[in-house]
Amino acid sequence: MKEIDPKETSRAYAFEMWMKAPMPMVTIFKKLNVSRLLRISKKHNLKFNMLMCYCIGRAACKIKEFYLLPVGDKLIQYDSIAVNTIVANKNGEVSSCDIPFIEDLSLFNRRYLELTQQVAESCTNYDITDSMVIGTSALVQYDVDGAVGMYSGIFNNPFMIWGKYKRNFFSSTLTISFQFHHTQMDGAHAASFLDRLQQEILYFRV
């Protein structure tokens, strides 16, 4: 990771316009067809949340804007991406766990299981500071139509929230919200990411 001059990037105008905005976050909602991921999850005994995090990482790593992030009053460029998940710990509370994105599914799954277990048992967050982290929160026990993340003014990372998937006669769908800092990307970049995420899910291979 390194600080870069915003004027030397495609985000120069956005940096000037949105860095000091009182509310620079934008949220987009999208309904995803997750039928294939559910089938693969059951067939191969893989956690659905892990598969979602993996697909999010795969979709994001193909979009250059995900490697830039406003931090404080600076624009930081990263070389890698991680996906955060919220873990229920042994004390009945929740802890945060960053999973480094790895293209190899078996390695990503192994790290996901190791790190989430470590966090659950230690009740200590596992943070990665040298990767651009995409936050996620899965409210899988609840039927929600959407949620908008809180903007603290400290963390500008993109963030995704989803609840329980819904079954119908022909498919299973999952409504997700995607919140991002307008300095990092525009609506078109975010929409392209969500389209890529849907494609990663639809054509997922183990």
N, C-alpha and C. Protein backbone atom coordinates (compact mmCIF):
# COMPACT_ATOMS: atom_id res chain seq x y z
N MET A 1 0.83 -1.19 0.00
CA MET A 1 0.00 0.00 0.00
C MET A 1 0.87 1.24 0.00
N LYS A 2 0.40 2.29 -0.67
CA LYS A 2 1.17 3.52 -0.73
C LYS A 2 0.23 4.70 -0.98
N GLU A 3 0.63 5.87 -0.51
CA GLU A 3 -0.12 7.08 -0.80
C GLU A 3 0.17 7.52 -2.22
N ILE A 4 -0.87 7.95 -2.94
CA ILE A 4 -0.68 8.43 -4.30
C ILE A 4 -1.32 9.81 -4.44
N ASP A 5 -0.87 10.53 -5.46
CA ASP A 5 -1.42 11.85 -5.73
C ASP A 5 -2.73 11.68 -6.49
N PRO A 6 -3.86 12.11 -5.91
CA PRO A 6 -5.16 11.95 -6.59
C PRO A 6 -5.18 12.57 -7.99
N LYS A 7 -4.41 13.64 -8.18
CA LYS A 7 -4.41 14.32 -9.47
C LYS A 7 -3.82 13.45 -10.58
N GLU A 8 -3.10 12.41 -10.20
CA GLU A 8 -2.49 11.53 -11.18
C GLU A 8 -3.34 10.28 -11.43
N THR A 9 -4.56 10.29 -10.92
CA THR A 9 -5.46 9.15 -11.08
C THR A 9 -6.75 9.58 -11.75
N SER A 10 -7.55 8.59 -12.12
CA SER A 10 -8.85 8.88 -12.71
C SER A 10 -9.86 9.38 -11.69
N ARG A 11 -9.49 9.39 -10.40
CA ARG A 11 -10.39 9.80 -9.33
C ARG A 11 -10.11 11.24 -8.88
N ALA A 12 -9.37 11.99 -9.66
CA ALA A 12 -8.99 13.36 -9.27
C ALA A 12 -10.21 14.23 -9.01
N TYR A 13 -11.16 14.24 -9.92
CA TYR A 13 -12.36 15.08 -9.75
C TYR A 13 -13.18 14.61 -8.56
N ALA A 14 -13.35 13.29 -8.42
CA ALA A 14 -14.13 12.74 -7.31
C ALA A 14 -13.47 13.06 -5.98
N PHE A 15 -12.14 13.01 -5.92
CA PHE A 15 -11.42 13.34 -4.69
C PHE A 15 -11.70 14.78 -4.28
N GLU A 16 -11.66 15.68 -5.26
CA GLU A 16 -11.91 17.10 -4.99
C GLU A 16 -13.34 17.34 -4.54
N MET A 17 -14.28 16.62 -5.15
CA MET A 17 -15.70 16.86 -4.89
C MET A 17 -16.20 16.22 -3.61
N TRP A 18 -15.73 15.00 -3.29
CA TRP A 18 -16.38 14.21 -2.26
C TRP A 18 -15.60 13.98 -0.98
N MET A 19 -14.30 14.29 -0.96
CA MET A 19 -13.52 14.00 0.24
C MET A 19 -14.01 14.76 1.47
N LYS A 20 -14.51 15.97 1.27
CA LYS A 20 -14.97 16.77 2.41
C LYS A 20 -16.49 16.85 2.49
N ALA A 21 -17.16 16.01 1.73
CA ALA A 21 -18.63 16.00 1.79
C ALA A 21 -19.08 15.43 3.13
N PRO A 22 -20.15 15.98 3.74
CA PRO A 22 -20.61 15.46 5.03
C PRO A 22 -21.13 14.03 4.95
N MET A 23 -21.62 13.62 3.79
CA MET A 23 -22.08 12.24 3.62
C MET A 23 -21.67 11.76 2.23
N PRO A 24 -20.44 11.24 2.10
CA PRO A 24 -19.91 10.85 0.78
C PRO A 24 -20.25 9.43 0.35
N MET A 25 -21.02 8.72 1.18
CA MET A 25 -21.31 7.32 0.87
C MET A 25 -22.55 7.20 -0.02
N VAL A 26 -22.51 6.21 -0.90
CA VAL A 26 -23.63 5.89 -1.79
C VAL A 26 -23.99 4.43 -1.57
N THR A 27 -25.29 4.11 -1.60
CA THR A 27 -25.73 2.73 -1.41
C THR A 27 -26.59 2.28 -2.59
N ILE A 28 -26.26 1.10 -3.12
CA ILE A 28 -27.03 0.49 -4.20
C ILE A 28 -27.58 -0.84 -3.71
N PHE A 29 -28.82 -1.14 -4.07
CA PHE A 29 -29.43 -2.42 -3.73
C PHE A 29 -29.55 -3.27 -5.00
N LYS A 30 -29.37 -4.57 -4.84
CA LYS A 30 -29.51 -5.49 -5.97
C LYS A 30 -29.98 -6.85 -5.49
N LYS A 31 -30.84 -7.47 -6.28
CA LYS A 31 -31.29 -8.83 -5.98
C LYS A 31 -30.47 -9.81 -6.81
N LEU A 32 -29.81 -10.74 -6.15
CA LEU A 32 -28.95 -11.72 -6.80
C LEU A 32 -29.62 -13.08 -6.85
N ASN A 33 -29.41 -13.79 -7.94
CA ASN A 33 -29.82 -15.19 -8.04
C ASN A 33 -28.68 -16.03 -7.47
N VAL A 34 -28.92 -16.69 -6.33
CA VAL A 34 -27.86 -17.45 -5.65
C VAL A 34 -28.15 -18.94 -5.67
N SER A 35 -29.01 -19.38 -6.56
CA SER A 35 -29.39 -20.79 -6.62
C SER A 35 -28.18 -21.71 -6.77
N ARG A 36 -27.28 -21.33 -7.67
CA ARG A 36 -26.11 -22.18 -7.92
C ARG A 36 -25.21 -22.28 -6.69
N LEU A 37 -24.99 -21.16 -6.01
CA LEU A 37 -24.14 -21.21 -4.81
C LEU A 37 -24.73 -22.09 -3.74
N LEU A 38 -26.05 -22.05 -3.60
CA LEU A 38 -26.70 -22.90 -2.60
C LEU A 38 -26.54 -24.38 -2.93
N ARG A 39 -26.67 -24.72 -4.21
CA ARG A 39 -26.49 -26.12 -4.62
C ARG A 39 -25.06 -26.58 -4.36
N ILE A 40 -24.09 -25.73 -4.72
CA ILE A 40 -22.68 -26.07 -4.52
C ILE A 40 -22.36 -26.17 -3.04
N SER A 41 -22.93 -25.27 -2.25
CA SER A 41 -22.71 -25.30 -0.80
C SER A 41 -23.13 -26.63 -0.20
N LYS A 42 -24.29 -27.11 -0.60
CA LYS A 42 -24.81 -28.37 -0.06
C LYS A 42 -24.06 -29.58 -0.63
N LYS A 43 -23.79 -29.56 -1.92
CA LYS A 43 -23.14 -30.70 -2.58
C LYS A 43 -21.72 -30.91 -2.09
N HIS A 44 -20.98 -29.83 -1.89
CA HIS A 44 -19.57 -29.93 -1.53
C HIS A 44 -19.29 -29.58 -0.07
N ASN A 45 -20.34 -29.40 0.72
CA ASN A 45 -20.20 -29.11 2.14
C ASN A 45 -19.32 -27.88 2.38
N LEU A 46 -19.64 -26.81 1.65
CA LEU A 46 -18.93 -25.54 1.78
C LEU A 46 -19.89 -24.51 2.35
N LYS A 47 -19.40 -23.65 3.22
CA LYS A 47 -20.25 -22.64 3.83
C LYS A 47 -20.72 -21.63 2.77
N PHE A 48 -22.01 -21.33 2.79
CA PHE A 48 -22.56 -20.38 1.82
C PHE A 48 -21.92 -19.01 1.99
N ASN A 49 -21.69 -18.58 3.23
CA ASN A 49 -21.09 -17.27 3.47
C ASN A 49 -19.68 -17.21 2.92
N MET A 50 -18.93 -18.31 3.05
CA MET A 50 -17.58 -18.35 2.48
C MET A 50 -17.64 -18.20 0.97
N LEU A 51 -18.58 -18.89 0.33
CA LEU A 51 -18.72 -18.81 -1.12
C LEU A 51 -19.09 -17.39 -1.56
N MET A 52 -19.95 -16.73 -0.79
CA MET A 52 -20.30 -15.34 -1.11
C MET A 52 -19.06 -14.45 -1.00
N CYS A 53 -18.30 -14.60 0.07
CA CYS A 53 -17.09 -13.79 0.25
C CYS A 53 -16.10 -14.03 -0.88
N TYR A 54 -15.97 -15.28 -1.29
CA TYR A 54 -15.04 -15.61 -2.38
C TYR A 54 -15.49 -14.94 -3.69
N CYS A 55 -16.77 -15.03 -4.00
CA CYS A 55 -17.28 -14.41 -5.23
C CYS A 55 -17.15 -12.90 -5.19
N ILE A 56 -17.34 -12.31 -4.02
CA ILE A 56 -17.16 -10.86 -3.86
C ILE A 56 -15.71 -10.49 -4.16
N GLY A 57 -14.78 -11.25 -3.62
CA GLY A 57 -13.37 -11.00 -3.88
C GLY A 57 -13.02 -11.15 -5.35
N ARG A 58 -13.54 -12.19 -5.99
CA ARG A 58 -13.25 -12.42 -7.41
C ARG A 58 -13.79 -11.28 -8.27
N ALA A 59 -15.00 -10.82 -7.97
CA ALA A 59 -15.59 -9.74 -8.75
C ALA A 59 -14.84 -8.43 -8.53
N ALA A 60 -14.47 -8.15 -7.29
CA ALA A 60 -13.81 -6.89 -6.96
C ALA A 60 -12.40 -6.80 -7.53
N CYS A 61 -11.68 -7.90 -7.55
CA CYS A 61 -10.28 -7.85 -7.97
C CYS A 61 -10.13 -7.51 -9.45
N LYS A 62 -11.23 -7.57 -10.20
CA LYS A 62 -11.19 -7.26 -11.63
C LYS A 62 -11.50 -5.79 -11.92
N ILE A 63 -11.79 -5.02 -10.87
CA ILE A 63 -12.17 -3.60 -11.05
C ILE A 63 -11.12 -2.74 -10.35
N LYS A 64 -10.39 -1.91 -11.11
CA LYS A 64 -9.23 -1.18 -10.59
C LYS A 64 -9.58 -0.22 -9.46
N GLU A 65 -10.82 0.32 -9.46
CA GLU A 65 -11.19 1.27 -8.41
C GLU A 65 -11.17 0.64 -7.02
N PHE A 66 -11.30 -0.67 -6.94
CA PHE A 66 -11.29 -1.32 -5.64
C PHE A 66 -9.91 -1.28 -4.98
N TYR A 67 -8.89 -0.98 -5.74
CA TYR A 67 -7.54 -0.94 -5.17
C TYR A 67 -7.19 0.44 -4.65
N LEU A 68 -8.10 1.40 -4.78
CA LEU A 68 -7.92 2.74 -4.24
C LEU A 68 -8.90 2.95 -3.09
N LEU A 69 -8.47 3.68 -2.06
CA LEU A 69 -9.37 3.96 -0.94
C LEU A 69 -8.96 5.27 -0.27
N PRO A 70 -9.92 6.18 -0.05
CA PRO A 70 -9.61 7.39 0.73
C PRO A 70 -9.43 7.01 2.20
N VAL A 71 -8.30 7.36 2.76
CA VAL A 71 -7.99 7.09 4.17
C VAL A 71 -7.57 8.41 4.80
N GLY A 72 -8.36 8.90 5.76
CA GLY A 72 -8.11 10.22 6.29
C GLY A 72 -8.31 11.24 5.18
N ASP A 73 -7.30 12.04 4.93
CA ASP A 73 -7.38 13.01 3.84
C ASP A 73 -6.48 12.62 2.67
N LYS A 74 -6.11 11.33 2.62
CA LYS A 74 -5.19 10.84 1.59
C LYS A 74 -5.88 9.79 0.71
N LEU A 75 -5.32 9.57 -0.47
CA LEU A 75 -5.78 8.49 -1.34
C LEU A 75 -4.71 7.41 -1.33
N ILE A 76 -5.09 6.21 -0.91
CA ILE A 76 -4.15 5.10 -0.76
C ILE A 76 -4.40 4.07 -1.85
N GLN A 77 -3.31 3.57 -2.42
CA GLN A 77 -3.39 2.50 -3.42
C GLN A 77 -2.90 1.20 -2.80
N TYR A 78 -3.67 0.14 -2.98
CA TYR A 78 -3.35 -1.17 -2.42
C TYR A 78 -2.99 -2.15 -3.54
N ASP A 79 -2.25 -3.18 -3.16
CA ASP A 79 -1.88 -4.23 -4.12
C ASP A 79 -2.76 -5.46 -4.00
N SER A 80 -3.56 -5.52 -2.94
CA SER A 80 -4.35 -6.73 -2.70
C SER A 80 -5.69 -6.36 -2.07
N ILE A 81 -6.60 -7.35 -2.08
CA ILE A 81 -7.95 -7.17 -1.56
C ILE A 81 -8.23 -8.24 -0.50
N ALA A 82 -8.98 -7.86 0.51
CA ALA A 82 -9.46 -8.81 1.51
C ALA A 82 -10.96 -8.60 1.69
N VAL A 83 -11.62 -9.64 2.21
CA VAL A 83 -13.06 -9.57 2.46
C VAL A 83 -13.28 -9.80 3.94
N ASN A 84 -14.01 -8.88 4.56
CA ASN A 84 -14.28 -8.99 5.99
C ASN A 84 -15.59 -9.74 6.22
N THR A 85 -15.64 -10.51 7.30
CA THR A 85 -16.89 -11.15 7.72
C THR A 85 -17.05 -10.97 9.23
N ILE A 86 -18.29 -10.92 9.67
CA ILE A 86 -18.60 -10.79 11.09
C ILE A 86 -18.81 -12.18 11.67
N VAL A 87 -18.14 -12.46 12.79
CA VAL A 87 -18.13 -13.80 13.38
C VAL A 87 -18.79 -13.78 14.76
N ALA A 88 -19.67 -14.75 15.00
CA ALA A 88 -20.25 -14.93 16.33
C ALA A 88 -19.19 -15.60 17.22
N ASN A 89 -18.77 -14.91 18.29
CA ASN A 89 -17.70 -15.48 19.12
C ASN A 89 -18.26 -16.28 20.30
N LYS A 90 -17.36 -16.90 21.05
CA LYS A 90 -17.78 -17.81 22.12
C LYS A 90 -18.45 -17.10 23.29
N ASN A 91 -18.32 -15.78 23.36
CA ASN A 91 -18.96 -15.02 24.43
C ASN A 91 -20.36 -14.56 24.06
N GLY A 92 -20.83 -14.98 22.89
CA GLY A 92 -22.16 -14.60 22.46
C GLY A 92 -22.22 -13.22 21.83
N GLU A 93 -21.06 -12.64 21.57
CA GLU A 93 -20.98 -11.34 20.91
C GLU A 93 -20.47 -11.55 19.48
N VAL A 94 -20.12 -10.45 18.81
CA VAL A 94 -19.58 -10.59 17.45
C VAL A 94 -18.20 -9.96 17.37
N SER A 95 -17.38 -10.54 16.52
CA SER A 95 -16.04 -10.02 16.26
C SER A 95 -15.84 -9.92 14.75
N SER A 96 -14.83 -9.17 14.37
CA SER A 96 -14.58 -8.89 12.96
C SER A 96 -13.39 -9.70 12.47
N CYS A 97 -13.49 -10.22 11.25
CA CYS A 97 -12.42 -11.07 10.71
C CYS A 97 -12.18 -10.73 9.25
N ASP A 98 -10.96 -10.32 8.91
CA ASP A 98 -10.58 -10.04 7.53
C ASP A 98 -9.96 -11.29 6.91
N ILE A 99 -10.47 -11.65 5.74
CA ILE A 99 -9.97 -12.83 5.02
C ILE A 99 -9.23 -12.35 3.78
N PRO A 100 -7.93 -12.63 3.63
CA PRO A 100 -7.23 -12.21 2.42
C PRO A 100 -7.80 -12.96 1.21
N PHE A 101 -8.07 -12.23 0.13
CA PHE A 101 -8.60 -12.91 -1.05
C PHE A 101 -7.50 -13.69 -1.74
N ILE A 102 -7.80 -14.97 -2.00
CA ILE A 102 -6.89 -15.88 -2.71
C ILE A 102 -7.68 -16.49 -3.86
N GLU A 103 -7.13 -16.47 -5.05
CA GLU A 103 -7.84 -16.97 -6.23
C GLU A 103 -8.18 -18.45 -6.13
N ASP A 104 -7.30 -19.21 -5.51
CA ASP A 104 -7.52 -20.65 -5.33
C ASP A 104 -8.61 -20.86 -4.28
N LEU A 105 -9.74 -21.45 -4.67
CA LEU A 105 -10.88 -21.62 -3.76
C LEU A 105 -10.53 -22.46 -2.55
N SER A 106 -9.78 -23.55 -2.75
CA SER A 106 -9.46 -24.42 -1.61
C SER A 106 -8.61 -23.69 -0.58
N LEU A 107 -7.67 -22.86 -1.04
CA LEU A 107 -6.84 -22.10 -0.11
C LEU A 107 -7.66 -21.01 0.58
N PHE A 108 -8.53 -20.35 -0.18
CA PHE A 108 -9.37 -19.32 0.43
C PHE A 108 -10.28 -19.95 1.48
N ASN A 109 -10.87 -21.10 1.18
CA ASN A 109 -11.74 -21.78 2.13
C ASN A 109 -10.98 -22.16 3.40
N ARG A 110 -9.76 -22.65 3.22
CA ARG A 110 -8.95 -23.04 4.37
C ARG A 110 -8.66 -21.84 5.28
N ARG A 111 -8.26 -20.72 4.66
CA ARG A 111 -7.98 -19.52 5.45
C ARG A 111 -9.25 -18.99 6.12
N TYR A 112 -10.36 -19.05 5.39
CA TYR A 112 -11.64 -18.61 5.95
C TYR A 112 -11.97 -19.41 7.21
N LEU A 113 -11.87 -20.73 7.13
CA LEU A 113 -12.21 -21.58 8.27
C LEU A 113 -11.24 -21.37 9.43
N GLU A 114 -9.94 -21.28 9.12
CA GLU A 114 -8.93 -21.09 10.16
C GLU A 114 -9.12 -19.75 10.89
N LEU A 115 -9.28 -18.69 10.11
CA LEU A 115 -9.34 -17.36 10.71
C LEU A 115 -10.65 -17.11 11.46
N THR A 116 -11.77 -17.57 10.91
CA THR A 116 -13.04 -17.37 11.61
C THR A 116 -13.09 -18.19 12.91
N GLN A 117 -12.50 -19.37 12.89
CA GLN A 117 -12.44 -20.16 14.12
C GLN A 117 -11.55 -19.49 15.16
N GLN A 118 -10.42 -18.97 14.70
CA GLN A 118 -9.50 -18.26 15.59
C GLN A 118 -10.18 -17.07 16.24
N VAL A 119 -10.91 -16.29 15.45
CA VAL A 119 -11.60 -15.11 15.96
C VAL A 119 -12.72 -15.50 16.91
N ALA A 120 -13.46 -16.56 16.56
CA ALA A 120 -14.57 -17.01 17.41
C ALA A 120 -14.08 -17.45 18.78
N GLU A 121 -12.93 -18.11 18.83
CA GLU A 121 -12.41 -18.63 20.09
C GLU A 121 -11.67 -17.57 20.90
N SER A 122 -10.99 -16.66 20.22
CA SER A 122 -10.20 -15.65 20.93
C SER A 122 -11.01 -14.40 21.28
N CYS A 123 -12.15 -14.20 20.59
CA CYS A 123 -12.97 -12.99 20.74
C CYS A 123 -12.17 -11.73 20.43
N THR A 124 -11.17 -11.88 19.56
CA THR A 124 -10.30 -10.77 19.16
C THR A 124 -10.41 -10.57 17.65
N ASN A 125 -10.62 -9.34 17.24
CA ASN A 125 -10.71 -9.07 15.81
C ASN A 125 -9.42 -9.43 15.09
N TYR A 126 -9.57 -9.88 13.85
CA TYR A 126 -8.40 -10.12 13.00
C TYR A 126 -8.45 -9.11 11.87
N ASP A 127 -7.54 -8.14 11.91
CA ASP A 127 -7.54 -7.04 10.96
C ASP A 127 -6.35 -7.12 10.03
N ILE A 128 -6.60 -6.88 8.75
CA ILE A 128 -5.53 -6.78 7.76
C ILE A 128 -5.43 -5.31 7.35
N THR A 129 -4.27 -4.71 7.57
CA THR A 129 -4.12 -3.28 7.33
C THR A 129 -3.47 -2.95 5.99
N ASP A 130 -2.88 -3.94 5.33
CA ASP A 130 -2.18 -3.65 4.09
C ASP A 130 -2.94 -4.12 2.85
N SER A 131 -4.24 -4.39 3.00
CA SER A 131 -5.11 -4.74 1.87
C SER A 131 -6.33 -3.84 1.90
N MET A 132 -6.95 -3.63 0.74
CA MET A 132 -8.21 -2.91 0.67
C MET A 132 -9.30 -3.91 1.08
N VAL A 133 -9.99 -3.63 2.17
CA VAL A 133 -10.92 -4.58 2.77
C VAL A 133 -12.37 -4.22 2.40
N ILE A 134 -13.09 -5.21 1.89
CA ILE A 134 -14.52 -5.06 1.63
C ILE A 134 -15.27 -5.64 2.82
N GLY A 135 -16.02 -4.81 3.51
CA GLY A 135 -16.77 -5.28 4.67
C GLY A 135 -18.04 -6.00 4.27
N THR A 136 -18.43 -7.01 5.04
CA THR A 136 -19.71 -7.69 4.83
C THR A 136 -20.37 -7.96 6.17
N SER A 137 -21.69 -8.02 6.15
CA SER A 137 -22.46 -8.41 7.33
C SER A 137 -23.64 -9.24 6.85
N ALA A 138 -23.69 -10.49 7.29
CA ALA A 138 -24.74 -11.42 6.85
C ALA A 138 -25.74 -11.64 7.98
N LEU A 139 -26.94 -11.12 7.81
CA LEU A 139 -28.02 -11.29 8.80
C LEU A 139 -28.89 -12.47 8.37
N VAL A 140 -28.27 -13.65 8.31
CA VAL A 140 -28.88 -14.79 7.63
C VAL A 140 -30.12 -15.34 8.33
N GLN A 141 -30.34 -14.98 9.57
CA GLN A 141 -31.52 -15.48 10.28
C GLN A 141 -32.74 -14.59 10.09
N TYR A 142 -32.56 -13.48 9.38
CA TYR A 142 -33.63 -12.50 9.30
C TYR A 142 -34.02 -12.21 7.86
N ASP A 143 -35.32 -12.04 7.66
CA ASP A 143 -35.86 -11.72 6.34
C ASP A 143 -35.92 -10.20 6.22
N VAL A 144 -34.87 -9.62 5.64
CA VAL A 144 -34.82 -8.17 5.47
C VAL A 144 -34.78 -7.84 3.99
N ASP A 145 -35.35 -6.70 3.62
CA ASP A 145 -35.34 -6.26 2.23
C ASP A 145 -34.14 -5.39 1.90
N GLY A 146 -33.41 -4.94 2.91
CA GLY A 146 -32.23 -4.14 2.65
C GLY A 146 -31.77 -3.45 3.92
N ALA A 147 -30.54 -2.96 3.87
CA ALA A 147 -29.98 -2.23 5.01
C ALA A 147 -28.91 -1.29 4.49
N VAL A 148 -28.81 -0.13 5.11
CA VAL A 148 -27.80 0.86 4.75
C VAL A 148 -26.79 0.94 5.87
N GLY A 149 -25.52 0.82 5.56
CA GLY A 149 -24.48 0.85 6.57
C GLY A 149 -24.31 2.23 7.20
N MET A 150 -23.73 2.26 8.37
CA MET A 150 -23.46 3.51 9.07
C MET A 150 -22.18 4.14 8.51
N TYR A 151 -22.16 5.46 8.36
CA TYR A 151 -20.94 6.16 7.98
C TYR A 151 -20.34 6.80 9.21
N SER A 152 -19.19 6.33 9.64
CA SER A 152 -18.57 6.81 10.87
C SER A 152 -17.65 8.01 10.62
N GLY A 153 -17.26 8.22 9.37
CA GLY A 153 -16.28 9.26 9.08
C GLY A 153 -14.86 8.78 9.31
N ILE A 154 -14.70 7.55 9.76
CA ILE A 154 -13.37 6.96 10.01
C ILE A 154 -13.06 5.90 8.98
N PHE A 155 -13.99 4.94 8.80
CA PHE A 155 -13.79 3.87 7.84
C PHE A 155 -14.54 4.19 6.55
N ASN A 156 -13.80 4.23 5.46
CA ASN A 156 -14.40 4.53 4.16
C ASN A 156 -14.52 3.30 3.27
N ASN A 157 -14.25 2.13 3.83
CA ASN A 157 -14.25 0.91 3.04
C ASN A 157 -15.63 0.59 2.48
N PRO A 158 -15.68 -0.03 1.30
CA PRO A 158 -16.96 -0.50 0.78
C PRO A 158 -17.53 -1.56 1.71
N PHE A 159 -18.87 -1.65 1.74
CA PHE A 159 -19.52 -2.53 2.71
C PHE A 159 -20.78 -3.15 2.09
N MET A 160 -20.95 -4.46 2.33
CA MET A 160 -22.12 -5.18 1.81
C MET A 160 -22.89 -5.82 2.95
N ILE A 161 -24.21 -5.79 2.84
CA ILE A 161 -25.09 -6.40 3.85
C ILE A 161 -26.13 -7.24 3.14
N TRP A 162 -26.42 -8.41 3.69
CA TRP A 162 -27.53 -9.22 3.18
C TRP A 162 -28.18 -10.00 4.31
N GLY A 163 -29.40 -10.44 4.07
CA GLY A 163 -30.14 -11.20 5.08
C GLY A 163 -30.37 -12.64 4.62
N LYS A 164 -31.54 -13.15 4.89
CA LYS A 164 -31.88 -14.53 4.52
C LYS A 164 -32.23 -14.59 3.03
N TYR A 165 -31.75 -15.63 2.36
CA TYR A 165 -32.14 -15.79 0.95
C TYR A 165 -33.59 -16.25 0.88
N LYS A 166 -34.22 -15.97 -0.27
CA LYS A 166 -35.62 -16.30 -0.45
C LYS A 166 -35.78 -17.32 -1.57
N ARG A 167 -36.56 -18.35 -1.30
CA ARG A 167 -36.80 -19.40 -2.29
C ARG A 167 -38.13 -19.15 -3.01
N ASN A 168 -38.15 -19.44 -4.30
CA ASN A 168 -39.41 -19.52 -5.03
C ASN A 168 -39.38 -20.79 -5.87
N PHE A 169 -40.31 -20.94 -6.79
CA PHE A 169 -40.42 -22.19 -7.54
C PHE A 169 -39.19 -22.48 -8.40
N PHE A 170 -38.56 -21.45 -8.93
CA PHE A 170 -37.52 -21.67 -9.93
C PHE A 170 -36.12 -21.25 -9.49
N SER A 171 -36.02 -20.43 -8.44
CA SER A 171 -34.70 -19.96 -8.05
C SER A 171 -34.70 -19.48 -6.60
N SER A 172 -33.51 -19.21 -6.11
CA SER A 172 -33.34 -18.61 -4.78
C SER A 172 -32.65 -17.27 -4.96
N THR A 173 -33.16 -16.25 -4.32
CA THR A 173 -32.61 -14.90 -4.49
C THR A 173 -32.14 -14.33 -3.17
N LEU A 174 -31.20 -13.40 -3.27
CA LEU A 174 -30.63 -12.75 -2.10
C LEU A 174 -30.52 -11.26 -2.41
N THR A 175 -31.18 -10.43 -1.60
CA THR A 175 -31.09 -8.99 -1.78
C THR A 175 -29.89 -8.46 -0.98
N ILE A 176 -29.02 -7.76 -1.66
CA ILE A 176 -27.83 -7.22 -1.00
C ILE A 176 -27.81 -5.70 -1.13
N SER A 177 -27.17 -5.04 -0.17
CA SER A 177 -26.89 -3.61 -0.30
C SER A 177 -25.39 -3.44 -0.39
N PHE A 178 -24.97 -2.50 -1.21
CA PHE A 178 -23.55 -2.23 -1.40
C PHE A 178 -23.32 -0.74 -1.18
N GLN A 179 -22.57 -0.42 -0.13
CA GLN A 179 -22.26 0.96 0.20
C GLN A 179 -20.80 1.26 -0.14
N PHE A 180 -20.55 2.41 -0.75
CA PHE A 180 -19.19 2.76 -1.15
C PHE A 180 -18.97 4.26 -1.04
N HIS A 181 -17.72 4.64 -0.91
CA HIS A 181 -17.34 6.06 -0.84
C HIS A 181 -17.24 6.59 -2.27
N HIS A 182 -17.89 7.73 -2.50
CA HIS A 182 -17.95 8.27 -3.86
C HIS A 182 -16.58 8.68 -4.40
N THR A 183 -15.63 8.92 -3.50
CA THR A 183 -14.27 9.21 -3.96
C THR A 183 -13.63 7.97 -4.57
N GLN A 184 -13.94 6.82 -4.01
CA GLN A 184 -13.34 5.57 -4.50
C GLN A 184 -13.88 5.16 -5.86
N MET A 185 -15.18 5.31 -6.06
CA MET A 185 -15.79 4.88 -7.31
C MET A 185 -17.09 5.62 -7.55
N ASP A 186 -17.55 5.56 -8.80
CA ASP A 186 -18.83 6.14 -9.18
C ASP A 186 -19.90 5.05 -9.20
N GLY A 187 -21.13 5.47 -9.42
CA GLY A 187 -22.23 4.51 -9.46
C GLY A 187 -22.05 3.48 -10.55
N ALA A 188 -21.49 3.88 -11.69
CA ALA A 188 -21.28 2.94 -12.79
C ALA A 188 -20.28 1.85 -12.41
N HIS A 189 -19.22 2.23 -11.67
CA HIS A 189 -18.25 1.22 -11.22
C HIS A 189 -18.91 0.24 -10.26
N ALA A 190 -19.73 0.77 -9.34
CA ALA A 190 -20.41 -0.07 -8.36
C ALA A 190 -21.39 -1.01 -9.04
N ALA A 191 -22.15 -0.49 -10.01
CA ALA A 191 -23.11 -1.33 -10.73
C ALA A 191 -22.40 -2.41 -11.53
N SER A 192 -21.25 -2.05 -12.14
CA SER A 192 -20.46 -3.03 -12.87
C SER A 192 -19.96 -4.13 -11.94
N PHE A 193 -19.54 -3.75 -10.74
CA PHE A 193 -19.10 -4.74 -9.76
C PHE A 193 -20.23 -5.69 -9.40
N LEU A 194 -21.42 -5.17 -9.17
CA LEU A 194 -22.55 -6.02 -8.80
C LEU A 194 -22.95 -6.94 -9.95
N ASP A 195 -22.84 -6.46 -11.18
CA ASP A 195 -23.09 -7.33 -12.34
C ASP A 195 -22.04 -8.44 -12.41
N ARG A 196 -20.78 -8.09 -12.16
CA ARG A 196 -19.72 -9.09 -12.16
C ARG A 196 -19.94 -10.12 -11.04
N LEU A 197 -20.40 -9.63 -9.89
CA LEU A 197 -20.68 -10.54 -8.78
C LEU A 197 -21.76 -11.54 -9.17
N GLN A 198 -22.82 -11.05 -9.82
CA GLN A 198 -23.87 -11.97 -10.26
C GLN A 198 -23.32 -13.00 -11.25
N GLN A 199 -22.47 -12.57 -12.16
CA GLN A 199 -21.89 -13.50 -13.13
C GLN A 199 -20.99 -14.53 -12.44
N GLU A 200 -20.22 -14.08 -11.46
CA GLU A 200 -19.37 -15.03 -10.72
C GLU A 200 -20.21 -16.10 -10.05
N ILE A 201 -21.37 -15.70 -9.53
CA ILE A 201 -22.26 -16.65 -8.85
C ILE A 201 -22.91 -17.60 -9.85
N LEU A 202 -23.42 -17.05 -10.94
CA LEU A 202 -24.13 -17.85 -11.93
C LEU A 202 -23.24 -18.91 -12.57
N TYR A 203 -21.97 -18.58 -12.77
CA TYR A 203 -21.06 -19.49 -13.50
C TYR A 203 -19.98 -20.05 -12.58
N PHE A 204 -20.29 -20.13 -11.31
CA PHE A 204 -19.31 -20.60 -10.33
C PHE A 204 -18.96 -22.07 -10.58
N ARG A 205 -17.66 -22.37 -10.47
CA ARG A 205 -17.18 -23.74 -10.64
C ARG A 205 -16.29 -24.10 -9.44
N VAL A 206 -16.41 -25.35 -9.00
CA VAL A 206 -15.58 -25.85 -7.91
C VAL A 206 -14.41 -26.64 -8.50
